[in-house]
Amino acid sequence: MGIKGPSSGLWSQDSIRYLMLNQCYTEKHKYNARTRVPNPNRPLGDITGAMKRTMIRPKAEGEAVEFKVPALITEELWLRANQKTRERGRGRDKEGKVIAALLRNRIFCPRCGKPLAVRRISGSDKHYYFCSRLILASEKEHCGYRRFIPGIWDEAAWDCIYAILKDESWVEERLAHMEKQHQDIDKLTMSGL
């Protein structure tokens, strides 16, 4: 149709998905409707992996500002489109399934430096890592690193972690070090008061 996409002129899957899920096209719109909350599955700890520690969630009922805008589609059509999208997701065995990937957001693309994304191999429980910028439509953000890293790296990492944790002296040394850090923080906090 020749309609340009939001930023680069090309439409990505995420751009289309955003349009489909956005209820403002049915004349109902909310301003300031979401907020960041702590992620219970990723507690604060090692911050070197650049893991996201918060999640975006809807605000409580009544906290967002609601107003009407001109409708582009009916709410019935919007609901039907969203229902079809959910059904397609269920048909491909995706809904509600999280890929248990140990190295998620902990290994990075050697070319662009962004964290590698995780995908499941179709029809199996195995997964692989790849640069998420490889599939971006925008030439400015596109990354040409085409090598896939197999998910069996997770197993190798688990083996190393298991071997380290079996060493009781190492675990005790780390616990003693953490205890000393906590004491030092307490001293600094108390001296600042």
N, C-alpha and C. Protein backbone atom coordinates (compact mmCIF):
# COMPACT_ATOMS: atom_id res chain seq x y z
N MET A 1 0.82 -1.21 0.00
CA MET A 1 0.00 0.00 0.00
C MET A 1 0.86 1.26 0.00
N GLY A 2 2.17 1.11 0.19
CA GLY A 2 3.06 2.27 0.16
C GLY A 2 3.05 3.09 1.44
N ILE A 3 2.45 2.58 2.51
CA ILE A 3 2.43 3.30 3.79
C ILE A 3 3.73 3.01 4.53
N LYS A 4 4.44 4.06 4.90
CA LYS A 4 5.74 3.86 5.56
C LYS A 4 5.56 3.43 7.00
N GLY A 5 6.54 2.66 7.48
CA GLY A 5 6.55 2.20 8.87
C GLY A 5 6.90 3.31 9.84
N PRO A 6 6.86 3.03 11.15
CA PRO A 6 7.04 4.07 12.17
C PRO A 6 8.37 4.82 12.11
N SER A 7 9.50 4.11 11.84
CA SER A 7 10.78 4.81 11.90
C SER A 7 11.58 4.69 10.61
N SER A 8 11.82 3.49 10.16
CA SER A 8 12.73 3.30 9.04
C SER A 8 12.04 3.24 7.68
N GLY A 9 10.73 3.28 7.68
CA GLY A 9 10.03 3.16 6.41
C GLY A 9 9.62 1.73 6.10
N LEU A 10 10.22 0.75 6.82
CA LEU A 10 9.87 -0.66 6.62
C LEU A 10 9.09 -1.15 7.84
N TRP A 11 8.14 -2.03 7.61
CA TRP A 11 7.33 -2.57 8.70
C TRP A 11 7.97 -3.83 9.25
N SER A 12 8.21 -3.86 10.55
CA SER A 12 8.72 -5.07 11.20
C SER A 12 7.55 -5.79 11.86
N GLN A 13 7.77 -7.03 12.26
CA GLN A 13 6.72 -7.79 12.95
C GLN A 13 6.32 -7.10 14.26
N ASP A 14 7.30 -6.53 14.96
CA ASP A 14 7.01 -5.86 16.23
C ASP A 14 6.13 -4.62 16.02
N SER A 15 6.38 -3.89 14.91
CA SER A 15 5.57 -2.70 14.63
C SER A 15 4.12 -3.08 14.39
N ILE A 16 3.91 -4.14 13.64
CA ILE A 16 2.55 -4.58 13.33
C ILE A 16 1.87 -5.12 14.59
N ARG A 17 2.62 -5.86 15.39
CA ARG A 17 2.07 -6.41 16.64
C ARG A 17 1.67 -5.27 17.58
N TYR A 18 2.47 -4.22 17.64
CA TYR A 18 2.15 -3.07 18.49
C TYR A 18 0.82 -2.44 18.05
N LEU A 19 0.63 -2.30 16.74
CA LEU A 19 -0.62 -1.73 16.23
C LEU A 19 -1.81 -2.62 16.59
N MET A 20 -1.62 -3.94 16.45
CA MET A 20 -2.73 -4.86 16.72
C MET A 20 -3.12 -4.86 18.19
N LEU A 21 -2.16 -4.70 19.09
CA LEU A 21 -2.46 -4.77 20.52
C LEU A 21 -2.88 -3.43 21.11
N ASN A 22 -2.70 -2.34 20.37
CA ASN A 22 -2.99 -1.02 20.89
C ASN A 22 -4.48 -0.71 20.76
N GLN A 23 -5.14 -0.57 21.88
CA GLN A 23 -6.59 -0.39 21.88
C GLN A 23 -7.01 1.03 21.50
N CYS A 24 -6.06 1.95 21.36
CA CYS A 24 -6.44 3.34 21.05
C CYS A 24 -7.11 3.45 19.68
N TYR A 25 -6.91 2.48 18.80
CA TYR A 25 -7.54 2.54 17.47
C TYR A 25 -9.04 2.25 17.53
N THR A 26 -9.53 1.84 18.70
CA THR A 26 -10.96 1.59 18.87
C THR A 26 -11.65 2.78 19.56
N GLU A 27 -10.96 3.89 19.72
CA GLU A 27 -11.36 5.17 20.31
C GLU A 27 -11.08 5.24 21.81
N LYS A 28 -10.67 4.13 22.45
CA LYS A 28 -10.34 4.16 23.88
C LYS A 28 -8.83 4.28 24.02
N HIS A 29 -8.40 5.32 24.72
CA HIS A 29 -6.96 5.49 24.88
C HIS A 29 -6.64 5.80 26.34
N LYS A 30 -5.46 5.35 26.77
CA LYS A 30 -5.01 5.61 28.14
C LYS A 30 -3.64 6.27 28.08
N TYR A 31 -3.47 7.26 28.93
CA TYR A 31 -2.18 7.93 29.06
C TYR A 31 -1.58 7.54 30.41
N ASN A 32 -0.27 7.31 30.42
CA ASN A 32 0.43 6.96 31.66
C ASN A 32 -0.20 5.71 32.29
N ALA A 33 -0.40 4.68 31.45
CA ALA A 33 -1.12 3.49 31.89
C ALA A 33 -0.21 2.37 32.40
N ARG A 34 1.10 2.50 32.21
CA ARG A 34 2.00 1.43 32.63
C ARG A 34 3.09 1.96 33.54
N THR A 35 3.68 1.04 34.31
CA THR A 35 4.75 1.41 35.22
C THR A 35 5.76 0.27 35.31
N ARG A 36 6.94 0.57 35.81
CA ARG A 36 7.96 -0.47 35.99
C ARG A 36 7.87 -1.03 37.41
N VAL A 37 7.93 -2.35 37.50
CA VAL A 37 7.91 -3.03 38.80
C VAL A 37 9.09 -3.99 38.87
N PRO A 38 9.58 -4.33 40.06
CA PRO A 38 10.70 -5.27 40.17
C PRO A 38 10.34 -6.63 39.57
N ASN A 39 11.30 -7.24 38.91
CA ASN A 39 11.10 -8.55 38.30
C ASN A 39 11.44 -9.63 39.34
N PRO A 40 10.46 -10.41 39.81
CA PRO A 40 10.74 -11.41 40.85
C PRO A 40 11.62 -12.55 40.36
N ASN A 41 11.66 -12.78 39.05
CA ASN A 41 12.47 -13.88 38.50
C ASN A 41 13.92 -13.49 38.28
N ARG A 42 14.22 -12.19 38.40
CA ARG A 42 15.59 -11.74 38.19
C ARG A 42 16.00 -10.78 39.30
N PRO A 43 16.25 -11.33 40.49
CA PRO A 43 16.60 -10.45 41.62
C PRO A 43 17.93 -9.77 41.41
N LEU A 44 18.12 -8.67 42.12
CA LEU A 44 19.37 -7.93 42.02
C LEU A 44 20.52 -8.79 42.51
N GLY A 45 21.58 -8.84 41.76
CA GLY A 45 22.73 -9.67 42.11
C GLY A 45 23.89 -9.24 41.25
N ASP A 46 24.32 -10.12 40.37
CA ASP A 46 25.41 -9.80 39.46
C ASP A 46 24.87 -8.87 38.37
N ILE A 47 25.33 -7.63 38.36
CA ILE A 47 24.82 -6.67 37.38
C ILE A 47 25.66 -6.62 36.11
N THR A 48 26.69 -7.46 36.02
CA THR A 48 27.55 -7.41 34.84
C THR A 48 26.88 -7.97 33.60
N GLY A 49 25.86 -8.78 33.76
CA GLY A 49 25.20 -9.39 32.61
C GLY A 49 24.18 -8.49 31.95
N ALA A 50 24.01 -7.26 32.42
CA ALA A 50 23.07 -6.30 31.86
C ALA A 50 21.66 -6.87 31.77
N MET A 51 21.25 -7.63 32.80
CA MET A 51 19.91 -8.21 32.81
C MET A 51 18.90 -7.17 33.23
N LYS A 52 17.72 -7.24 32.65
CA LYS A 52 16.66 -6.31 33.02
C LYS A 52 16.12 -6.72 34.39
N ARG A 53 16.13 -5.80 35.33
CA ARG A 53 15.70 -6.08 36.69
C ARG A 53 14.25 -5.66 36.94
N THR A 54 13.63 -5.02 35.95
CA THR A 54 12.25 -4.58 36.12
C THR A 54 11.41 -5.04 34.95
N MET A 55 10.09 -5.01 35.14
CA MET A 55 9.14 -5.36 34.08
C MET A 55 8.14 -4.22 33.95
N ILE A 56 7.61 -4.04 32.75
CA ILE A 56 6.56 -3.04 32.55
C ILE A 56 5.22 -3.73 32.74
N ARG A 57 4.40 -3.18 33.63
CA ARG A 57 3.10 -3.75 33.94
C ARG A 57 2.04 -2.65 33.95
N PRO A 58 0.77 -3.01 33.69
CA PRO A 58 -0.30 -2.00 33.75
C PRO A 58 -0.46 -1.45 35.16
N LYS A 59 -0.81 -0.17 35.24
CA LYS A 59 -1.07 0.44 36.55
C LYS A 59 -2.42 -0.03 37.05
N ALA A 60 -2.65 0.16 38.33
CA ALA A 60 -3.92 -0.22 38.95
C ALA A 60 -5.07 0.57 38.33
N GLU A 61 -6.26 -0.02 38.35
CA GLU A 61 -7.45 0.61 37.78
C GLU A 61 -7.66 1.99 38.39
N GLY A 62 -7.86 2.98 37.55
CA GLY A 62 -8.11 4.33 38.02
C GLY A 62 -6.88 5.22 38.09
N GLU A 63 -5.66 4.65 37.98
CA GLU A 63 -4.44 5.46 38.05
C GLU A 63 -4.08 6.07 36.70
N ALA A 64 -4.50 5.44 35.60
CA ALA A 64 -4.20 5.96 34.27
C ALA A 64 -5.22 7.02 33.87
N VAL A 65 -4.81 7.90 32.97
CA VAL A 65 -5.72 8.93 32.45
C VAL A 65 -6.37 8.38 31.19
N GLU A 66 -7.70 8.26 31.19
CA GLU A 66 -8.43 7.70 30.05
C GLU A 66 -9.13 8.80 29.28
N PHE A 67 -9.09 8.71 27.94
CA PHE A 67 -9.80 9.67 27.09
C PHE A 67 -10.14 9.02 25.76
N LYS A 68 -10.99 9.69 24.97
CA LYS A 68 -11.43 9.15 23.69
C LYS A 68 -10.70 9.83 22.54
N VAL A 69 -10.43 9.04 21.50
CA VAL A 69 -9.83 9.54 20.26
C VAL A 69 -10.69 9.03 19.10
N PRO A 70 -10.56 9.60 17.91
CA PRO A 70 -11.36 9.10 16.78
C PRO A 70 -11.06 7.62 16.49
N ALA A 71 -12.10 6.83 16.34
CA ALA A 71 -11.94 5.38 16.12
C ALA A 71 -11.56 5.11 14.66
N LEU A 72 -10.60 4.19 14.47
CA LEU A 72 -10.23 3.75 13.13
C LEU A 72 -10.86 2.39 12.79
N ILE A 73 -11.10 1.58 13.82
CA ILE A 73 -11.74 0.27 13.63
C ILE A 73 -12.74 0.06 14.77
N THR A 74 -13.60 -0.93 14.60
CA THR A 74 -14.55 -1.24 15.67
C THR A 74 -13.86 -2.09 16.73
N GLU A 75 -14.39 -2.04 17.93
CA GLU A 75 -13.81 -2.85 19.00
C GLU A 75 -13.97 -4.33 18.70
N GLU A 76 -15.06 -4.69 18.03
CA GLU A 76 -15.31 -6.09 17.66
C GLU A 76 -14.20 -6.60 16.73
N LEU A 77 -13.83 -5.81 15.73
CA LEU A 77 -12.76 -6.20 14.80
C LEU A 77 -11.43 -6.29 15.53
N TRP A 78 -11.17 -5.34 16.44
CA TRP A 78 -9.93 -5.34 17.21
C TRP A 78 -9.82 -6.60 18.07
N LEU A 79 -10.92 -6.96 18.75
CA LEU A 79 -10.94 -8.17 19.59
C LEU A 79 -10.74 -9.42 18.75
N ARG A 80 -11.38 -9.46 17.57
CA ARG A 80 -11.26 -10.63 16.69
C ARG A 80 -9.82 -10.80 16.21
N ALA A 81 -9.16 -9.71 15.83
CA ALA A 81 -7.77 -9.76 15.37
C ALA A 81 -6.85 -10.25 16.48
N ASN A 82 -7.06 -9.76 17.70
CA ASN A 82 -6.23 -10.19 18.83
C ASN A 82 -6.48 -11.65 19.18
N GLN A 83 -7.73 -12.10 19.07
CA GLN A 83 -8.06 -13.50 19.32
C GLN A 83 -7.34 -14.41 18.32
N LYS A 84 -7.34 -14.01 17.05
CA LYS A 84 -6.67 -14.80 16.00
C LYS A 84 -5.16 -14.88 16.28
N THR A 85 -4.58 -13.77 16.71
CA THR A 85 -3.15 -13.76 17.02
C THR A 85 -2.84 -14.72 18.16
N ARG A 86 -3.67 -14.71 19.21
CA ARG A 86 -3.46 -15.62 20.34
C ARG A 86 -3.62 -17.08 19.91
N GLU A 87 -4.61 -17.37 19.07
CA GLU A 87 -4.82 -18.74 18.60
C GLU A 87 -3.64 -19.24 17.79
N ARG A 88 -3.08 -18.39 16.95
CA ARG A 88 -1.90 -18.77 16.17
C ARG A 88 -0.72 -19.09 17.09
N GLY A 89 -0.56 -18.27 18.14
CA GLY A 89 0.51 -18.51 19.10
C GLY A 89 0.34 -19.84 19.81
N ARG A 90 -0.92 -20.17 20.17
CA ARG A 90 -1.20 -21.45 20.84
C ARG A 90 -0.91 -22.61 19.90
N GLY A 91 -1.28 -22.44 18.63
CA GLY A 91 -1.09 -23.52 17.67
C GLY A 91 0.37 -23.86 17.45
N ARG A 92 1.26 -22.90 17.71
CA ARG A 92 2.68 -23.16 17.51
C ARG A 92 3.37 -23.52 18.82
N ASP A 93 2.57 -23.87 19.85
CA ASP A 93 3.11 -24.30 21.15
C ASP A 93 3.98 -23.25 21.83
N LYS A 94 3.64 -21.97 21.67
CA LYS A 94 4.45 -20.94 22.28
C LYS A 94 3.85 -20.40 23.56
N GLU A 95 2.52 -20.34 23.62
CA GLU A 95 1.87 -19.62 24.71
C GLU A 95 2.21 -20.22 26.07
N GLY A 96 2.69 -19.39 26.95
CA GLY A 96 2.97 -19.81 28.32
C GLY A 96 4.27 -20.57 28.50
N LYS A 97 5.03 -20.77 27.43
CA LYS A 97 6.27 -21.54 27.55
C LYS A 97 7.46 -20.60 27.49
N VAL A 98 8.27 -20.63 28.51
CA VAL A 98 9.48 -19.83 28.56
C VAL A 98 10.66 -20.75 28.28
N ILE A 99 11.59 -20.28 27.46
CA ILE A 99 12.79 -21.07 27.18
C ILE A 99 13.74 -20.91 28.36
N ALA A 100 14.05 -22.02 29.02
CA ALA A 100 14.97 -21.99 30.16
C ALA A 100 16.39 -21.92 29.61
N ALA A 101 16.91 -20.70 29.48
CA ALA A 101 18.23 -20.49 28.90
C ALA A 101 19.13 -19.80 29.92
N LEU A 102 20.14 -20.51 30.38
CA LEU A 102 21.03 -20.00 31.42
C LEU A 102 21.80 -18.77 30.96
N LEU A 103 22.21 -18.73 29.70
CA LEU A 103 23.07 -17.65 29.22
C LEU A 103 22.29 -16.48 28.63
N ARG A 104 20.97 -16.49 28.77
CA ARG A 104 20.15 -15.38 28.26
C ARG A 104 20.64 -14.07 28.88
N ASN A 105 20.89 -13.07 28.06
CA ASN A 105 21.39 -11.75 28.46
C ASN A 105 22.75 -11.80 29.15
N ARG A 106 23.47 -12.90 28.97
CA ARG A 106 24.81 -13.01 29.57
C ARG A 106 25.89 -13.25 28.53
N ILE A 107 25.49 -13.54 27.28
CA ILE A 107 26.48 -13.61 26.21
C ILE A 107 26.08 -12.58 25.16
N PHE A 108 27.10 -12.01 24.52
CA PHE A 108 26.89 -10.85 23.67
C PHE A 108 27.42 -11.08 22.26
N CYS A 109 26.83 -10.36 21.31
CA CYS A 109 27.24 -10.45 19.91
C CYS A 109 28.65 -9.89 19.78
N PRO A 110 29.57 -10.63 19.15
CA PRO A 110 30.94 -10.12 19.02
C PRO A 110 31.04 -8.94 18.05
N ARG A 111 30.04 -8.75 17.22
CA ARG A 111 30.09 -7.65 16.24
C ARG A 111 29.48 -6.36 16.78
N CYS A 112 28.24 -6.44 17.32
CA CYS A 112 27.56 -5.19 17.74
C CYS A 112 27.53 -5.02 19.26
N GLY A 113 27.84 -6.07 20.03
CA GLY A 113 27.91 -5.97 21.48
C GLY A 113 26.59 -6.07 22.21
N LYS A 114 25.48 -6.31 21.50
CA LYS A 114 24.17 -6.44 22.14
C LYS A 114 23.98 -7.86 22.66
N PRO A 115 23.15 -8.05 23.74
CA PRO A 115 22.91 -9.42 24.23
C PRO A 115 22.27 -10.28 23.15
N LEU A 116 22.66 -11.55 23.11
CA LEU A 116 22.09 -12.47 22.13
C LEU A 116 20.69 -12.90 22.57
N ALA A 117 19.82 -13.06 21.60
CA ALA A 117 18.44 -13.50 21.87
C ALA A 117 18.38 -15.03 21.79
N VAL A 118 17.28 -15.59 22.30
CA VAL A 118 17.11 -17.05 22.36
C VAL A 118 15.89 -17.45 21.53
N ARG A 119 16.03 -18.53 20.77
CA ARG A 119 14.90 -19.09 20.03
C ARG A 119 14.90 -20.60 20.19
N ARG A 120 13.70 -21.17 20.18
CA ARG A 120 13.56 -22.63 20.25
C ARG A 120 13.63 -23.20 18.85
N ILE A 121 14.30 -24.34 18.70
CA ILE A 121 14.35 -25.03 17.42
C ILE A 121 12.99 -25.65 17.18
N SER A 122 12.42 -25.38 16.03
CA SER A 122 11.06 -25.82 15.71
C SER A 122 10.89 -27.32 15.92
N GLY A 123 9.85 -27.68 16.67
CA GLY A 123 9.52 -29.09 16.89
C GLY A 123 10.40 -29.81 17.90
N SER A 124 11.18 -29.06 18.70
CA SER A 124 12.02 -29.71 19.70
C SER A 124 12.12 -28.84 20.95
N ASP A 125 12.76 -29.37 21.99
CA ASP A 125 12.97 -28.62 23.22
C ASP A 125 14.31 -27.90 23.21
N LYS A 126 15.10 -28.07 22.16
CA LYS A 126 16.43 -27.45 22.08
C LYS A 126 16.29 -25.99 21.66
N HIS A 127 17.31 -25.21 22.00
CA HIS A 127 17.28 -23.79 21.66
C HIS A 127 18.65 -23.34 21.17
N TYR A 128 18.70 -22.12 20.63
CA TYR A 128 19.96 -21.55 20.16
C TYR A 128 19.95 -20.05 20.42
N TYR A 129 21.13 -19.45 20.39
CA TYR A 129 21.29 -18.01 20.58
C TYR A 129 21.67 -17.37 19.25
N PHE A 130 21.19 -16.13 19.03
CA PHE A 130 21.54 -15.40 17.82
C PHE A 130 21.45 -13.90 18.11
N CYS A 131 22.06 -13.11 17.27
CA CYS A 131 22.01 -11.66 17.46
C CYS A 131 20.63 -11.15 17.09
N SER A 132 19.96 -10.51 18.03
CA SER A 132 18.60 -10.03 17.78
C SER A 132 18.57 -8.93 16.73
N ARG A 133 19.69 -8.27 16.50
CA ARG A 133 19.73 -7.20 15.51
C ARG A 133 19.89 -7.74 14.09
N LEU A 134 20.06 -9.04 13.96
CA LEU A 134 20.18 -9.65 12.64
C LEU A 134 18.87 -9.52 11.86
N ILE A 135 17.74 -9.60 12.56
CA ILE A 135 16.45 -9.61 11.87
C ILE A 135 15.77 -8.25 11.83
N LEU A 136 16.44 -7.20 12.34
CA LEU A 136 15.83 -5.87 12.32
C LEU A 136 15.77 -5.34 10.90
N ALA A 137 14.67 -4.71 10.58
CA ALA A 137 14.48 -4.19 9.23
C ALA A 137 15.34 -2.95 8.97
N SER A 138 15.57 -2.18 10.00
CA SER A 138 16.32 -0.93 9.83
C SER A 138 17.77 -1.21 9.51
N GLU A 139 18.28 -0.60 8.46
CA GLU A 139 19.69 -0.78 8.09
C GLU A 139 20.62 -0.22 9.14
N LYS A 140 20.18 0.85 9.83
CA LYS A 140 21.01 1.49 10.83
C LYS A 140 21.25 0.57 12.02
N GLU A 141 20.26 -0.22 12.40
CA GLU A 141 20.38 -1.09 13.57
C GLU A 141 20.67 -2.54 13.21
N HIS A 142 20.67 -2.86 11.94
CA HIS A 142 20.87 -4.24 11.49
C HIS A 142 22.30 -4.71 11.80
N CYS A 143 22.44 -5.96 12.22
CA CYS A 143 23.76 -6.55 12.49
C CYS A 143 23.95 -7.73 11.54
N GLY A 144 25.14 -7.85 10.99
CA GLY A 144 25.40 -8.91 10.01
C GLY A 144 26.00 -10.18 10.60
N TYR A 145 26.06 -10.30 11.94
CA TYR A 145 26.64 -11.50 12.55
C TYR A 145 25.65 -12.64 12.41
N ARG A 146 25.96 -13.62 11.56
CA ARG A 146 25.00 -14.66 11.20
C ARG A 146 25.23 -16.00 11.88
N ARG A 147 26.20 -16.08 12.78
CA ARG A 147 26.49 -17.36 13.41
C ARG A 147 25.53 -17.63 14.56
N PHE A 148 25.00 -18.84 14.62
CA PHE A 148 24.13 -19.24 15.72
C PHE A 148 24.94 -20.01 16.75
N ILE A 149 24.68 -19.75 18.02
CA ILE A 149 25.38 -20.43 19.10
C ILE A 149 24.44 -21.46 19.69
N PRO A 150 24.81 -22.73 19.69
CA PRO A 150 23.88 -23.77 20.16
C PRO A 150 23.61 -23.66 21.66
N GLY A 151 22.41 -24.09 22.05
CA GLY A 151 22.01 -24.06 23.44
C GLY A 151 22.77 -25.03 24.32
N ILE A 152 23.55 -25.94 23.71
CA ILE A 152 24.33 -26.89 24.53
C ILE A 152 25.41 -26.16 25.32
N TRP A 153 25.68 -24.90 24.98
CA TRP A 153 26.60 -24.11 25.80
C TRP A 153 26.06 -23.97 27.21
N ASP A 154 24.73 -23.94 27.35
CA ASP A 154 24.13 -23.87 28.68
C ASP A 154 24.54 -25.07 29.53
N GLU A 155 24.54 -26.25 28.91
CA GLU A 155 24.92 -27.46 29.64
C GLU A 155 26.36 -27.39 30.10
N ALA A 156 27.25 -26.87 29.25
CA ALA A 156 28.66 -26.73 29.63
C ALA A 156 28.79 -25.74 30.80
N ALA A 157 28.02 -24.65 30.73
CA ALA A 157 28.07 -23.66 31.82
C ALA A 157 27.55 -24.26 33.12
N TRP A 158 26.44 -25.05 33.04
CA TRP A 158 25.91 -25.71 34.24
C TRP A 158 26.94 -26.67 34.83
N ASP A 159 27.66 -27.39 33.98
CA ASP A 159 28.69 -28.31 34.47
C ASP A 159 29.77 -27.56 35.24
N CYS A 160 30.17 -26.39 34.72
CA CYS A 160 31.19 -25.58 35.41
C CYS A 160 30.66 -25.07 36.75
N ILE A 161 29.42 -24.59 36.74
CA ILE A 161 28.82 -24.08 37.99
C ILE A 161 28.72 -25.20 39.02
N TYR A 162 28.30 -26.38 38.58
CA TYR A 162 28.17 -27.52 39.49
C TYR A 162 29.53 -27.87 40.10
N ALA A 163 30.58 -27.87 39.27
CA ALA A 163 31.92 -28.20 39.76
C ALA A 163 32.40 -27.18 40.79
N ILE A 164 32.11 -25.90 40.54
CA ILE A 164 32.52 -24.84 41.47
C ILE A 164 31.77 -24.97 42.79
N LEU A 165 30.45 -25.21 42.71
CA LEU A 165 29.65 -25.29 43.93
C LEU A 165 29.94 -26.54 44.75
N LYS A 166 30.51 -27.55 44.13
CA LYS A 166 30.89 -28.76 44.88
C LYS A 166 32.09 -28.50 45.78
N ASP A 167 32.87 -27.48 45.44
CA ASP A 167 34.05 -27.13 46.22
C ASP A 167 33.62 -26.32 47.44
N GLU A 168 33.50 -26.98 48.59
CA GLU A 168 32.98 -26.34 49.80
C GLU A 168 33.86 -25.18 50.26
N SER A 169 35.17 -25.30 50.08
CA SER A 169 36.07 -24.23 50.53
C SER A 169 35.82 -22.95 49.71
N TRP A 170 35.56 -23.10 48.42
CA TRP A 170 35.29 -21.93 47.57
C TRP A 170 33.97 -21.26 48.00
N VAL A 171 32.96 -22.08 48.27
CA VAL A 171 31.66 -21.54 48.69
C VAL A 171 31.81 -20.79 50.01
N GLU A 172 32.53 -21.39 50.97
CA GLU A 172 32.73 -20.73 52.26
C GLU A 172 33.51 -19.43 52.11
N GLU A 173 34.51 -19.43 51.24
CA GLU A 173 35.30 -18.22 51.00
C GLU A 173 34.42 -17.10 50.42
N ARG A 174 33.55 -17.45 49.47
CA ARG A 174 32.66 -16.46 48.85
C ARG A 174 31.65 -15.92 49.88
N LEU A 175 31.12 -16.81 50.72
CA LEU A 175 30.18 -16.37 51.74
C LEU A 175 30.85 -15.43 52.74
N ALA A 176 32.08 -15.75 53.13
CA ALA A 176 32.82 -14.89 54.06
C ALA A 176 33.09 -13.53 53.42
N HIS A 177 33.43 -13.52 52.13
CA HIS A 177 33.68 -12.27 51.41
C HIS A 177 32.41 -11.42 51.35
N MET A 178 31.27 -12.05 51.07
CA MET A 178 30.01 -11.32 51.01
C MET A 178 29.62 -10.76 52.39
N GLU A 179 29.87 -11.55 53.43
CA GLU A 179 29.58 -11.10 54.79
C GLU A 179 30.41 -9.87 55.14
N LYS A 180 31.68 -9.88 54.73
CA LYS A 180 32.56 -8.73 54.99
C LYS A 180 32.07 -7.51 54.22
N GLN A 181 31.62 -7.70 52.98
CA GLN A 181 31.08 -6.58 52.20
C GLN A 181 29.86 -5.98 52.89
N HIS A 182 28.98 -6.82 53.40
CA HIS A 182 27.78 -6.35 54.10
C HIS A 182 28.17 -5.55 55.35
N GLN A 183 29.17 -6.05 56.09
CA GLN A 183 29.62 -5.33 57.28
C GLN A 183 30.20 -3.98 56.91
N ASP A 184 31.00 -3.95 55.81
CA ASP A 184 31.59 -2.68 55.37
C ASP A 184 30.50 -1.69 54.96
N ILE A 185 29.47 -2.18 54.28
CA ILE A 185 28.36 -1.31 53.87
C ILE A 185 27.63 -0.77 55.10
N ASP A 186 27.42 -1.65 56.09
CA ASP A 186 26.75 -1.22 57.33
C ASP A 186 27.58 -0.12 58.02
N LYS A 187 28.92 -0.28 58.06
CA LYS A 187 29.78 0.71 58.71
C LYS A 187 29.68 2.05 57.97
N LEU A 188 29.73 1.99 56.63
CA LEU A 188 29.64 3.22 55.84
C LEU A 188 28.28 3.91 56.04
N THR A 189 27.23 3.10 56.09
CA THR A 189 25.89 3.66 56.28
C THR A 189 25.77 4.32 57.64
N MET A 190 26.27 3.66 58.66
CA MET A 190 26.18 4.19 60.02
C MET A 190 27.04 5.44 60.17
N SER A 191 28.23 5.45 59.55
CA SER A 191 29.11 6.63 59.69
C SER A 191 28.52 7.82 58.93
N GLY A 192 27.73 7.55 57.86
CA GLY A 192 27.11 8.64 57.10
C GLY A 192 25.95 9.27 57.85
N LEU A 193 25.34 8.54 58.77
CA LEU A 193 24.22 9.08 59.54
C LEU A 193 24.75 9.97 60.63
